[in-house]
Amino acid sequence: MNNFKAALKKNKKDYLITLGIYIISVLLTMVYIAQ
């Protein structure tokens, strides 16, 4: 059970990092287009 929770926590962290990178890239694209 602990291993499952640890894996879930790690996956959530990876997911949030990926989501953050995606949001930043979208914002940069919008700024680039707006100029």
PDB file of N, CA and C in Angstrom:
ATOM      1  N   MET A   1       0.836  -1.214   0.000  1.00  0.00           N
ATOM      2  CA  MET A   1       0.000   0.000   0.000  1.00  0.00           C
ATOM      3  C   MET A   1       0.872   1.266   0.000  1.00  0.00           C
ATOM      4  N   ASN A   2       1.928   1.243   0.801  1.00  0.00           N
ATOM      5  CA  ASN A   2       2.815   2.409   0.855  1.00  0.00           C
ATOM      6  C   ASN A   2       3.504   2.661  -0.481  1.00  0.00           C
ATOM      7  N   ASN A   3       3.902   1.571  -1.154  1.00  0.00           N
ATOM      8  CA  ASN A   3       4.539   1.700  -2.466  1.00  0.00           C
ATOM      9  C   ASN A   3       3.580   2.322  -3.474  1.00  0.00           C
ATOM     10  N   PHE A   4       2.318   1.932  -3.388  1.00  0.00           N
ATOM     11  CA  PHE A   4       1.290   2.467  -4.284  1.00  0.00           C
ATOM     12  C   PHE A   4       1.119   3.971  -4.055  1.00  0.00           C
ATOM     13  N   LYS A   5       1.052   4.368  -2.782  1.00  0.00           N
ATOM     14  CA  LYS A   5       0.907   5.789  -2.443  1.00  0.00           C
ATOM     15  C   LYS A   5       2.112   6.592  -2.923  1.00  0.00           C
ATOM     16  N   ALA A   6       3.314   6.025  -2.743  1.00  0.00           N
ATOM     17  CA  ALA A   6       4.539   6.703  -3.174  1.00  0.00           C
ATOM     18  C   ALA A   6       4.549   6.885  -4.690  1.00  0.00           C
ATOM     19  N   ALA A   7       4.136   5.842  -5.408  1.00  0.00           N
ATOM     20  CA  ALA A   7       4.074   5.906  -6.870  1.00  0.00           C
ATOM     21  C   ALA A   7       3.053   6.951  -7.317  1.00  0.00           C
ATOM     22  N   LEU A   8       1.924   6.992  -6.634  1.00  0.00           N
ATOM     23  CA  LEU A   8       0.869   7.954  -6.952  1.00  0.00           C
ATOM     24  C   LEU A   8       1.376   9.381  -6.732  1.00  0.00           C
ATOM     25  N   LYS A   9       2.085   9.590  -5.620  1.00  0.00           N
ATOM     26  CA  LYS A   9       2.635  10.900  -5.297  1.00  0.00           C
ATOM     27  C   LYS A   9       3.641  11.334  -6.364  1.00  0.00           C
ATOM     28  N   LYS A  10       4.505  10.404  -6.774  1.00  0.00           N
ATOM     29  CA  LYS A  10       5.521  10.693  -7.785  1.00  0.00           C
ATOM     30  C   LYS A  10       4.859  11.029  -9.118  1.00  0.00           C
ATOM     31  N   ASN A  11       3.851  10.239  -9.498  1.00  0.00           N
ATOM     32  CA  ASN A  11       3.147  10.475 -10.757  1.00  0.00           C
ATOM     33  C   ASN A  11       2.432  11.819 -10.742  1.00  0.00           C
ATOM     34  N   LYS A  12       1.860  12.178  -9.576  1.00  0.00           N
ATOM     35  CA  LYS A  12       1.167  13.455  -9.443  1.00  0.00           C
ATOM     36  C   LYS A  12       2.162  14.601  -9.630  1.00  0.00           C
ATOM     37  N   LYS A  13       3.356  14.448  -9.047  1.00  0.00           N
ATOM     38  CA  LYS A  13       4.396  15.468  -9.177  1.00  0.00           C
ATOM     39  C   LYS A  13       4.807  15.615 -10.637  1.00  0.00           C
ATOM     40  N   ASP A  14       5.037  14.471 -11.303  1.00  0.00           N
ATOM     41  CA  ASP A  14       5.412  14.484 -12.721  1.00  0.00           C
ATOM     42  C   ASP A  14       4.305  15.127 -13.558  1.00  0.00           C
ATOM     43  N   TYR A  15       3.050  14.818 -13.221  1.00  0.00           N
ATOM     44  CA  TYR A  15       1.899  15.370 -13.938  1.00  0.00           C
ATOM     45  C   TYR A  15       1.847  16.889 -13.786  1.00  0.00           C
ATOM     46  N   LEU A  16       2.058  17.365 -12.546  1.00  0.00           N
ATOM     47  CA  LEU A  16       2.022  18.804 -12.293  1.00  0.00           C
ATOM     48  C   LEU A  16       3.153  19.526 -13.016  1.00  0.00           C
ATOM     49  N   ILE A  17       4.342  18.908 -13.038  1.00  0.00           N
ATOM     50  CA  ILE A  17       5.482  19.500 -13.745  1.00  0.00           C
ATOM     51  C   ILE A  17       5.178  19.600 -15.240  1.00  0.00           C
ATOM     52  N   THR A  18       4.630  18.524 -15.799  1.00  0.00           N
ATOM     53  CA  THR A  18       4.281  18.494 -17.223  1.00  0.00           C
ATOM     54  C   THR A  18       3.218  19.546 -17.532  1.00  0.00           C
ATOM     55  N   LEU A  19       2.225  19.641 -16.650  1.00  0.00           N
ATOM     56  CA  LEU A  19       1.152  20.620 -16.819  1.00  0.00           C
ATOM     57  C   LEU A  19       1.715  22.038 -16.767  1.00  0.00           C
ATOM     58  N   GLY A  20       2.619  22.285 -15.821  1.00  0.00           N
ATOM     59  CA  GLY A  20       3.257  23.592 -15.682  1.00  0.00           C
ATOM     60  C   GLY A  20       4.026  23.988 -16.931  1.00  0.00           C
ATOM     61  N   ILE A  21       4.796  23.044 -17.470  1.00  0.00           N
ATOM     62  CA  ILE A  21       5.575  23.290 -18.693  1.00  0.00           C
ATOM     63  C   ILE A  21       4.638  23.594 -19.861  1.00  0.00           C
ATOM     64  N   TYR A  22       3.536  22.840 -19.942  1.00  0.00           N
ATOM     65  CA  TYR A  22       2.556  23.036 -21.014  1.00  0.00           C
ATOM     66  C   TYR A  22       1.934  24.429 -20.934  1.00  0.00           C
ATOM     67  N   ILE A  23       1.521  24.842 -19.724  1.00  0.00           N
ATOM     68  CA  ILE A  23       0.908  26.158 -19.522  1.00  0.00           C
ATOM     69  C   ILE A  23       1.889  27.270 -19.893  1.00  0.00           C
ATOM     70  N   ILE A  24       3.155  27.131 -19.455  1.00  0.00           N
ATOM     71  CA  ILE A  24       4.175  28.138 -19.754  1.00  0.00           C
ATOM     72  C   ILE A  24       4.392  28.253 -21.262  1.00  0.00           C
ATOM     73  N   SER A  25       4.464  27.105 -21.943  1.00  0.00           N
ATOM     74  CA  SER A  25       4.685  27.124 -23.394  1.00  0.00           C
ATOM     75  C   SER A  25       3.507  27.766 -24.122  1.00  0.00           C
ATOM     76  N   VAL A  26       2.296  27.504 -23.654  1.00  0.00           N
ATOM     77  CA  VAL A  26       1.099  28.116 -24.253  1.00  0.00           C
ATOM     78  C   VAL A  26       1.119  29.632 -24.041  1.00  0.00           C
ATOM     79  N   LEU A  27       1.459  30.069 -22.828  1.00  0.00           N
ATOM     80  CA  LEU A  27       1.527  31.505 -22.535  1.00  0.00           C
ATOM     81  C   LEU A  27       2.595  32.189 -23.388  1.00  0.00           C
ATOM     82  N   LEU A  28       3.769  31.555 -23.510  1.00  0.00           N
ATOM     83  CA  LEU A  28       4.841  32.121 -24.334  1.00  0.00           C
ATOM     84  C   LEU A  28       4.406  32.230 -25.791  1.00  0.00           C
ATOM     85  N   THR A  29       3.690  31.234 -26.275  1.00  0.00           N
ATOM     86  CA  THR A  29       3.184  31.249 -27.652  1.00  0.00           C
ATOM     87  C   THR A  29       2.205  32.403 -27.844  1.00  0.00           C
ATOM     88  N   MET A  30       1.315  32.601 -26.878  1.00  0.00           N
ATOM     89  CA  MET A  30       0.326  33.689 -26.951  1.00  0.00           C
ATOM     90  C   MET A  30       1.024  35.048 -26.960  1.00  0.00           C
ATOM     91  N   VAL A  31       2.029  35.204 -26.108  1.00  0.00           N
ATOM     92  CA  VAL A  31       2.792  36.459 -26.043  1.00  0.00           C
ATOM     93  C   VAL A  31       3.508  36.706 -27.369  1.00  0.00           C
ATOM     94  N   TYR A  32       4.096  35.651 -27.927  1.00  0.00           N
ATOM     95  CA  TYR A  32       4.822  35.748 -29.199  1.00  0.00           C
ATOM     96  C   TYR A  32       3.883  36.156 -30.337  1.00  0.00           C
ATOM     97  N   ILE A  33       2.695  35.574 -30.361  1.00  0.00           N
ATOM     98  CA  ILE A  33       1.701  35.889 -31.395  1.00  0.00           C
ATOM     99  C   ILE A  33       1.179  37.328 -31.218  1.00  0.00           C
ATOM    100  N   ALA A  34       1.000  37.752 -29.973  1.00  0.00           N
ATOM    101  CA  ALA A  34       0.444  39.072 -29.672  1.00  0.00           C
ATOM    102  C   ALA A  34       1.368  40.210 -30.111  1.00  0.00           C
ATOM    103  N   GLN A  35       2.659  39.953 -30.168  1.00  0.00           N
ATOM    104  CA  GLN A  35       3.612  41.008 -30.523  1.00  0.00           C
ATOM    105  C   GLN A  35       3.530  41.406 -31.992  1.00  0.00           C
TER     106      GLN A  35
END
